[in-house]
Amino acid sequence: MKECSFEKNKEKCNCTYPCSKKGICCECIEYHRKRGEMPACYFPDDIEETYDRSIENFIKIFNERGSGYLNN
């Protein structure tokens, strides 16, 4: 199994919430999945700042903006 590149992940992470999981993607994904949410990296920066990580919000933004915002 390939090691997680914490420092590289942390540089790319757009999450603005102060959290111990920043840069540890596997823990972040597990945390949000258990809560029925998506991690910050699935949202454009302006939406991420609202901390609404719900799947419903992801679908709404995806439908409004298309998949282009995911290519940041």
PDB file of N, CA and C in Angstrom:
ATOM      1  N   MET A   1       0.844  -1.182   0.000  1.00  0.00           N
ATOM      2  CA  MET A   1       0.000   0.000   0.000  1.00  0.00           C
ATOM      3  C   MET A   1       0.892   1.249   0.000  1.00  0.00           C
ATOM      4  N   LYS A   2       0.561   2.188  -0.808  1.00  0.00           N
ATOM      5  CA  LYS A   2       1.344   3.413  -0.903  1.00  0.00           C
ATOM      6  C   LYS A   2       1.102   4.287   0.326  1.00  0.00           C
ATOM      7  N   GLU A   3       2.160   4.894   0.823  1.00  0.00           N
ATOM      8  CA  GLU A   3       2.062   5.774   1.979  1.00  0.00           C
ATOM      9  C   GLU A   3       1.336   7.070   1.616  1.00  0.00           C
ATOM     10  N   CYS A   4       0.624   7.613   2.549  1.00  0.00           N
ATOM     11  CA  CYS A   4      -0.061   8.893   2.374  1.00  0.00           C
ATOM     12  C   CYS A   4       0.983  10.012   2.417  1.00  0.00           C
ATOM     13  N   SER A   5       0.925  10.903   1.499  1.00  0.00           N
ATOM     14  CA  SER A   5       1.865  12.026   1.440  1.00  0.00           C
ATOM     15  C   SER A   5       1.248  13.218   2.158  1.00  0.00           C
ATOM     16  N   PHE A   6       1.375  13.219   3.468  1.00  0.00           N
ATOM     17  CA  PHE A   6       0.731  14.207   4.329  1.00  0.00           C
ATOM     18  C   PHE A   6       1.045  15.643   3.917  1.00  0.00           C
ATOM     19  N   GLU A   7       2.301  15.969   3.763  1.00  0.00           N
ATOM     20  CA  GLU A   7       2.681  17.353   3.445  1.00  0.00           C
ATOM     21  C   GLU A   7       2.132  17.788   2.088  1.00  0.00           C
ATOM     22  N   LYS A   8       2.208  16.909   1.099  1.00  0.00           N
ATOM     23  CA  LYS A   8       1.688  17.223  -0.235  1.00  0.00           C
ATOM     24  C   LYS A   8       0.167  17.397  -0.182  1.00  0.00           C
ATOM     25  N   ASN A   9      -0.512  16.506   0.542  1.00  0.00           N
ATOM     26  CA  ASN A   9      -1.963  16.602   0.685  1.00  0.00           C
ATOM     27  C   ASN A   9      -2.360  17.893   1.392  1.00  0.00           C
ATOM     28  N   LYS A  10      -1.625  18.245   2.429  1.00  0.00           N
ATOM     29  CA  LYS A  10      -1.943  19.437   3.209  1.00  0.00           C
ATOM     30  C   LYS A  10      -1.842  20.703   2.358  1.00  0.00           C
ATOM     31  N   GLU A  11      -0.858  20.744   1.458  1.00  0.00           N
ATOM     32  CA  GLU A  11      -0.688  21.896   0.561  1.00  0.00           C
ATOM     33  C   GLU A  11      -1.896  22.078  -0.350  1.00  0.00           C
ATOM     34  N   LYS A  12      -2.484  20.972  -0.790  1.00  0.00           N
ATOM     35  CA  LYS A  12      -3.596  21.025  -1.737  1.00  0.00           C
ATOM     36  C   LYS A  12      -4.966  21.117  -1.071  1.00  0.00           C
ATOM     37  N   CYS A  13      -5.034  20.854   0.225  1.00  0.00           N
ATOM     38  CA  CYS A  13      -6.318  20.805   0.936  1.00  0.00           C
ATOM     39  C   CYS A  13      -6.936  22.194   1.038  1.00  0.00           C
ATOM     40  N   ASN A  14      -8.161  22.333   0.570  1.00  0.00           N
ATOM     41  CA  ASN A  14      -8.842  23.627   0.617  1.00  0.00           C
ATOM     42  C   ASN A  14      -9.720  23.799   1.855  1.00  0.00           C
ATOM     43  N   CYS A  15      -9.652  22.872   2.780  1.00  0.00           N
ATOM     44  CA  CYS A  15     -10.489  22.940   3.974  1.00  0.00           C
ATOM     45  C   CYS A  15     -10.039  24.085   4.871  1.00  0.00           C
ATOM     46  N   THR A  16     -10.972  24.942   5.265  1.00  0.00           N
ATOM     47  CA  THR A  16     -10.659  26.073   6.137  1.00  0.00           C
ATOM     48  C   THR A  16     -11.004  25.791   7.595  1.00  0.00           C
ATOM     49  N   TYR A  17     -11.588  24.639   7.874  1.00  0.00           N
ATOM     50  CA  TYR A  17     -11.942  24.284   9.247  1.00  0.00           C
ATOM     51  C   TYR A  17     -10.694  23.797   9.974  1.00  0.00           C
ATOM     52  N   PRO A  18     -10.420  24.335  11.180  1.00  0.00           N
ATOM     53  CA  PRO A  18      -9.246  23.860  11.927  1.00  0.00           C
ATOM     54  C   PRO A  18      -9.471  22.424  12.404  1.00  0.00           C
ATOM     55  N   CYS A  19      -8.712  21.492  11.872  1.00  0.00           N
ATOM     56  CA  CYS A  19      -9.000  20.081  12.078  1.00  0.00           C
ATOM     57  C   CYS A  19      -7.709  19.269  12.111  1.00  0.00           C
ATOM     58  N   SER A  20      -7.667  18.253  12.936  1.00  0.00           N
ATOM     59  CA  SER A  20      -6.487  17.393  13.040  1.00  0.00           C
ATOM     60  C   SER A  20      -6.345  16.442  11.855  1.00  0.00           C
ATOM     61  N   LYS A  21      -7.368  16.346  11.008  1.00  0.00           N
ATOM     62  CA  LYS A  21      -7.327  15.429   9.870  1.00  0.00           C
ATOM     63  C   LYS A  21      -6.823  16.093   8.588  1.00  0.00           C
ATOM     64  N   LYS A  22      -6.532  17.385   8.630  1.00  0.00           N
ATOM     65  CA  LYS A  22      -6.091  18.110   7.435  1.00  0.00           C
ATOM     66  C   LYS A  22      -4.836  17.454   6.861  1.00  0.00           C
ATOM     67  N   GLY A  23      -4.905  17.049   5.609  1.00  0.00           N
ATOM     68  CA  GLY A  23      -3.787  16.400   4.933  1.00  0.00           C
ATOM     69  C   GLY A  23      -3.771  14.888   5.090  1.00  0.00           C
ATOM     70  N   ILE A  24      -4.623  14.363   5.954  1.00  0.00           N
ATOM     71  CA  ILE A  24      -4.718  12.912   6.147  1.00  0.00           C
ATOM     72  C   ILE A  24      -6.042  12.491   5.509  1.00  0.00           C
ATOM     73  N   CYS A  25      -6.018  12.401   4.199  1.00  0.00           N
ATOM     74  CA  CYS A  25      -7.239  12.227   3.413  1.00  0.00           C
ATOM     75  C   CYS A  25      -8.062  11.017   3.824  1.00  0.00           C
ATOM     76  N   CYS A  26      -7.402   9.892   4.093  1.00  0.00           N
ATOM     77  CA  CYS A  26      -8.154   8.680   4.438  1.00  0.00           C
ATOM     78  C   CYS A  26      -8.968   8.891   5.710  1.00  0.00           C
ATOM     79  N   GLU A  27      -8.430   9.601   6.698  1.00  0.00           N
ATOM     80  CA  GLU A  27      -9.176   9.874   7.930  1.00  0.00           C
ATOM     81  C   GLU A  27     -10.287  10.885   7.688  1.00  0.00           C
ATOM     82  N   CYS A  28     -10.010  11.877   6.860  1.00  0.00           N
ATOM     83  CA  CYS A  28     -11.006  12.898   6.529  1.00  0.00           C
ATOM     84  C   CYS A  28     -12.206  12.272   5.816  1.00  0.00           C
ATOM     85  N   ILE A  29     -11.930  11.471   4.819  1.00  0.00           N
ATOM     86  CA  ILE A  29     -13.007  10.823   4.064  1.00  0.00           C
ATOM     87  C   ILE A  29     -13.822   9.917   4.971  1.00  0.00           C
ATOM     88  N   GLU A  30     -13.159   9.143   5.809  1.00  0.00           N
ATOM     89  CA  GLU A  30     -13.871   8.257   6.730  1.00  0.00           C
ATOM     90  C   GLU A  30     -14.767   9.060   7.679  1.00  0.00           C
ATOM     91  N   TYR A  31     -14.246  10.149   8.223  1.00  0.00           N
ATOM     92  CA  TYR A  31     -15.009  11.006   9.139  1.00  0.00           C
ATOM     93  C   TYR A  31     -16.273  11.536   8.467  1.00  0.00           C
ATOM     94  N   HIS A  32     -16.116  12.131   7.292  1.00  0.00           N
ATOM     95  CA  HIS A  32     -17.269  12.725   6.607  1.00  0.00           C
ATOM     96  C   HIS A  32     -18.241  11.664   6.100  1.00  0.00           C
ATOM     97  N   ARG A  33     -17.728  10.541   5.663  1.00  0.00           N
ATOM     98  CA  ARG A  33     -18.600   9.463   5.177  1.00  0.00           C
ATOM     99  C   ARG A  33     -19.522   8.963   6.283  1.00  0.00           C
ATOM    100  N   LYS A  34     -18.973   8.800   7.485  1.00  0.00           N
ATOM    101  CA  LYS A  34     -19.785   8.355   8.629  1.00  0.00           C
ATOM    102  C   LYS A  34     -20.888   9.358   8.969  1.00  0.00           C
ATOM    103  N   ARG A  35     -20.663  10.622   8.629  1.00  0.00           N
ATOM    104  CA  ARG A  35     -21.629  11.679   8.926  1.00  0.00           C
ATOM    105  C   ARG A  35     -22.570  11.963   7.748  1.00  0.00           C
ATOM    106  N   GLY A  36     -22.425  11.207   6.658  1.00  0.00           N
ATOM    107  CA  GLY A  36     -23.255  11.441   5.475  1.00  0.00           C
ATOM    108  C   GLY A  36     -22.875  12.724   4.762  1.00  0.00           C
ATOM    109  N   GLU A  37     -21.592  13.057   4.788  1.00  0.00           N
ATOM    110  CA  GLU A  37     -21.096  14.295   4.195  1.00  0.00           C
ATOM    111  C   GLU A  37     -20.019  14.007   3.158  1.00  0.00           C
ATOM    112  N   MET A  38     -19.605  15.069   2.480  1.00  0.00           N
ATOM    113  CA  MET A  38     -18.488  15.024   1.541  1.00  0.00           C
ATOM    114  C   MET A  38     -17.364  15.866   2.135  1.00  0.00           C
ATOM    115  N   PRO A  39     -16.107  15.508   1.889  1.00  0.00           N
ATOM    116  CA  PRO A  39     -15.010  16.337   2.387  1.00  0.00           C
ATOM    117  C   PRO A  39     -14.920  17.662   1.631  1.00  0.00           C
ATOM    118  N   ALA A  40     -14.220  18.622   2.211  1.00  0.00           N
ATOM    119  CA  ALA A  40     -14.103  19.970   1.648  1.00  0.00           C
ATOM    120  C   ALA A  40     -13.601  19.972   0.214  1.00  0.00           C
ATOM    121  N   CYS A  41     -12.700  19.053  -0.129  1.00  0.00           N
ATOM    122  CA  CYS A  41     -12.088  19.062  -1.460  1.00  0.00           C
ATOM    123  C   CYS A  41     -13.085  18.793  -2.581  1.00  0.00           C
ATOM    124  N   TYR A  42     -14.301  18.402  -2.260  1.00  0.00           N
ATOM    125  CA  TYR A  42     -15.331  18.190  -3.276  1.00  0.00           C
ATOM    126  C   TYR A  42     -16.129  19.462  -3.560  1.00  0.00           C
ATOM    127  N   PHE A  43     -15.807  20.537  -2.859  1.00  0.00           N
ATOM    128  CA  PHE A  43     -16.556  21.781  -3.002  1.00  0.00           C
ATOM    129  C   PHE A  43     -15.650  22.911  -3.484  1.00  0.00           C
ATOM    130  N   PRO A  44     -16.227  23.834  -4.272  1.00  0.00           N
ATOM    131  CA  PRO A  44     -15.458  25.024  -4.635  1.00  0.00           C
ATOM    132  C   PRO A  44     -15.194  25.842  -3.360  1.00  0.00           C
ATOM    133  N   ASP A  45     -14.145  26.645  -3.378  1.00  0.00           N
ATOM    134  CA  ASP A  45     -13.739  27.378  -2.176  1.00  0.00           C
ATOM    135  C   ASP A  45     -14.854  28.216  -1.563  1.00  0.00           C
ATOM    136  N   ASP A  46     -15.633  28.905  -2.387  1.00  0.00           N
ATOM    137  CA  ASP A  46     -16.679  29.768  -1.834  1.00  0.00           C
ATOM    138  C   ASP A  46     -17.778  28.974  -1.128  1.00  0.00           C
ATOM    139  N   ILE A  47     -18.014  27.759  -1.530  1.00  0.00           N
ATOM    140  CA  ILE A  47     -19.009  26.905  -0.887  1.00  0.00           C
ATOM    141  C   ILE A  47     -18.395  26.199   0.322  1.00  0.00           C
ATOM    142  N   GLU A  48     -17.139  25.809   0.218  1.00  0.00           N
ATOM    143  CA  GLU A  48     -16.457  25.147   1.335  1.00  0.00           C
ATOM    144  C   GLU A  48     -16.499  26.020   2.574  1.00  0.00           C
ATOM    145  N   GLU A  49     -16.362  27.322   2.403  1.00  0.00           N
ATOM    146  CA  GLU A  49     -16.334  28.252   3.535  1.00  0.00           C
ATOM    147  C   GLU A  49     -17.629  28.253   4.345  1.00  0.00           C
ATOM    148  N   THR A  50     -18.712  27.737   3.778  1.00  0.00           N
ATOM    149  CA  THR A  50     -19.987  27.695   4.503  1.00  0.00           C
ATOM    150  C   THR A  50     -20.057  26.504   5.451  1.00  0.00           C
ATOM    151  N   TYR A  51     -19.151  25.549   5.296  1.00  0.00           N
ATOM    152  CA  TYR A  51     -19.093  24.306   6.081  1.00  0.00           C
ATOM    153  C   TYR A  51     -20.308  23.406   5.882  1.00  0.00           C
ATOM    154  N   ASP A  52     -21.095  23.667   4.834  1.00  0.00           N
ATOM    155  CA  ASP A  52     -22.213  22.772   4.508  1.00  0.00           C
ATOM    156  C   ASP A  52     -21.659  21.673   3.617  1.00  0.00           C
ATOM    157  N   ARG A  53     -21.294  20.555   4.228  1.00  0.00           N
ATOM    158  CA  ARG A  53     -20.661  19.446   3.510  1.00  0.00           C
ATOM    159  C   ARG A  53     -21.663  18.354   3.159  1.00  0.00           C
ATOM    160  N   SER A  54     -22.931  18.679   3.215  1.00  0.00           N
ATOM    161  CA  SER A  54     -23.959  17.669   2.956  1.00  0.00           C
ATOM    162  C   SER A  54     -23.906  17.185   1.513  1.00  0.00           C
ATOM    163  N   ILE A  55     -24.331  15.951   1.333  1.00  0.00           N
ATOM    164  CA  ILE A  55     -24.402  15.375  -0.010  1.00  0.00           C
ATOM    165  C   ILE A  55     -25.411  16.145  -0.841  1.00  0.00           C
ATOM    166  N   GLU A  56     -26.480  16.577  -0.220  1.00  0.00           N
ATOM    167  CA  GLU A  56     -27.496  17.367  -0.921  1.00  0.00           C
ATOM    168  C   GLU A  56     -26.902  18.666  -1.466  1.00  0.00           C
ATOM    169  N   ASN A  57     -26.063  19.322  -0.666  1.00  0.00           N
ATOM    170  CA  ASN A  57     -25.425  20.556  -1.115  1.00  0.00           C
ATOM    171  C   ASN A  57     -24.451  20.279  -2.256  1.00  0.00           C
ATOM    172  N   PHE A  58     -23.714  19.170  -2.176  1.00  0.00           N
ATOM    173  CA  PHE A  58     -22.806  18.798  -3.252  1.00  0.00           C
ATOM    174  C   PHE A  58     -23.575  18.613  -4.559  1.00  0.00           C
ATOM    175  N   ILE A  59     -24.685  17.893  -4.504  1.00  0.00           N
ATOM    176  CA  ILE A  59     -25.494  17.644  -5.702  1.00  0.00           C
ATOM    177  C   ILE A  59     -26.025  18.960  -6.258  1.00  0.00           C
ATOM    178  N   LYS A  60     -26.499  19.825  -5.380  1.00  0.00           N
ATOM    179  CA  LYS A  60     -27.032  21.126  -5.807  1.00  0.00           C
ATOM    180  C   LYS A  60     -25.957  21.941  -6.526  1.00  0.00           C
ATOM    181  N   ILE A  61     -24.781  22.061  -5.929  1.00  0.00           N
ATOM    182  CA  ILE A  61     -23.698  22.845  -6.529  1.00  0.00           C
ATOM    183  C   ILE A  61     -23.209  22.196  -7.820  1.00  0.00           C
ATOM    184  N   PHE A  62     -23.093  20.878  -7.820  1.00  0.00           N
ATOM    185  CA  PHE A  62     -22.674  20.158  -9.020  1.00  0.00           C
ATOM    186  C   PHE A  62     -23.658  20.414 -10.157  1.00  0.00           C
ATOM    187  N   ASN A  63     -24.944  20.363  -9.872  1.00  0.00           N
ATOM    188  CA  ASN A  63     -25.962  20.611 -10.901  1.00  0.00           C
ATOM    189  C   ASN A  63     -25.938  22.055 -11.381  1.00  0.00           C
ATOM    190  N   GLU A  64     -25.660  22.995 -10.486  1.00  0.00           N
ATOM    191  CA  GLU A  64     -25.615  24.411 -10.860  1.00  0.00           C
ATOM    192  C   GLU A  64     -24.354  24.760 -11.656  1.00  0.00           C
ATOM    193  N   ARG A  65     -23.225  24.212 -11.247  1.00  0.00           N
ATOM    194  CA  ARG A  65     -21.942  24.632 -11.813  1.00  0.00           C
ATOM    195  C   ARG A  65     -21.299  23.605 -12.742  1.00  0.00           C
ATOM    196  N   GLY A  66     -21.819  22.388 -12.724  1.00  0.00           N
ATOM    197  CA  GLY A  66     -21.209  21.343 -13.535  1.00  0.00           C
ATOM    198  C   GLY A  66     -19.958  20.801 -12.878  1.00  0.00           C
ATOM    199  N   SER A  67     -19.291  19.902 -13.548  1.00  0.00           N
ATOM    200  CA  SER A  67     -18.123  19.242 -12.976  1.00  0.00           C
ATOM    201  C   SER A  67     -16.846  20.061 -13.141  1.00  0.00           C
ATOM    202  N   GLY A  68     -16.885  21.164 -13.875  1.00  0.00           N
ATOM    203  CA  GLY A  68     -15.695  21.953 -14.148  1.00  0.00           C
ATOM    204  C   GLY A  68     -15.003  22.472 -12.895  1.00  0.00           C
ATOM    205  N   TYR A  69     -15.756  22.769 -11.845  1.00  0.00           N
ATOM    206  CA  TYR A  69     -15.132  23.305 -10.646  1.00  0.00           C
ATOM    207  C   TYR A  69     -14.300  22.250  -9.919  1.00  0.00           C
ATOM    208  N   LEU A  70     -14.497  20.976 -10.216  1.00  0.00           N
ATOM    209  CA  LEU A  70     -13.716  19.931  -9.579  1.00  0.00           C
ATOM    210  C   LEU A  70     -12.299  19.840 -10.123  1.00  0.00           C
ATOM    211  N   ASN A  71     -12.020  20.500 -11.219  1.00  0.00           N
ATOM    212  CA  ASN A  71     -10.711  20.409 -11.847  1.00  0.00           C
ATOM    213  C   ASN A  71      -9.743  21.484 -11.376  1.00  0.00           C
ATOM    214  N   ASN A  72      -9.935  22.011 -10.175  1.00  0.00           N
ATOM    215  CA  ASN A  72      -9.060  23.078  -9.647  1.00  0.00           C
ATOM    216  C   ASN A  72      -7.674  22.551  -9.406  1.00  0.00           C
TER     217      ASN A  72
END
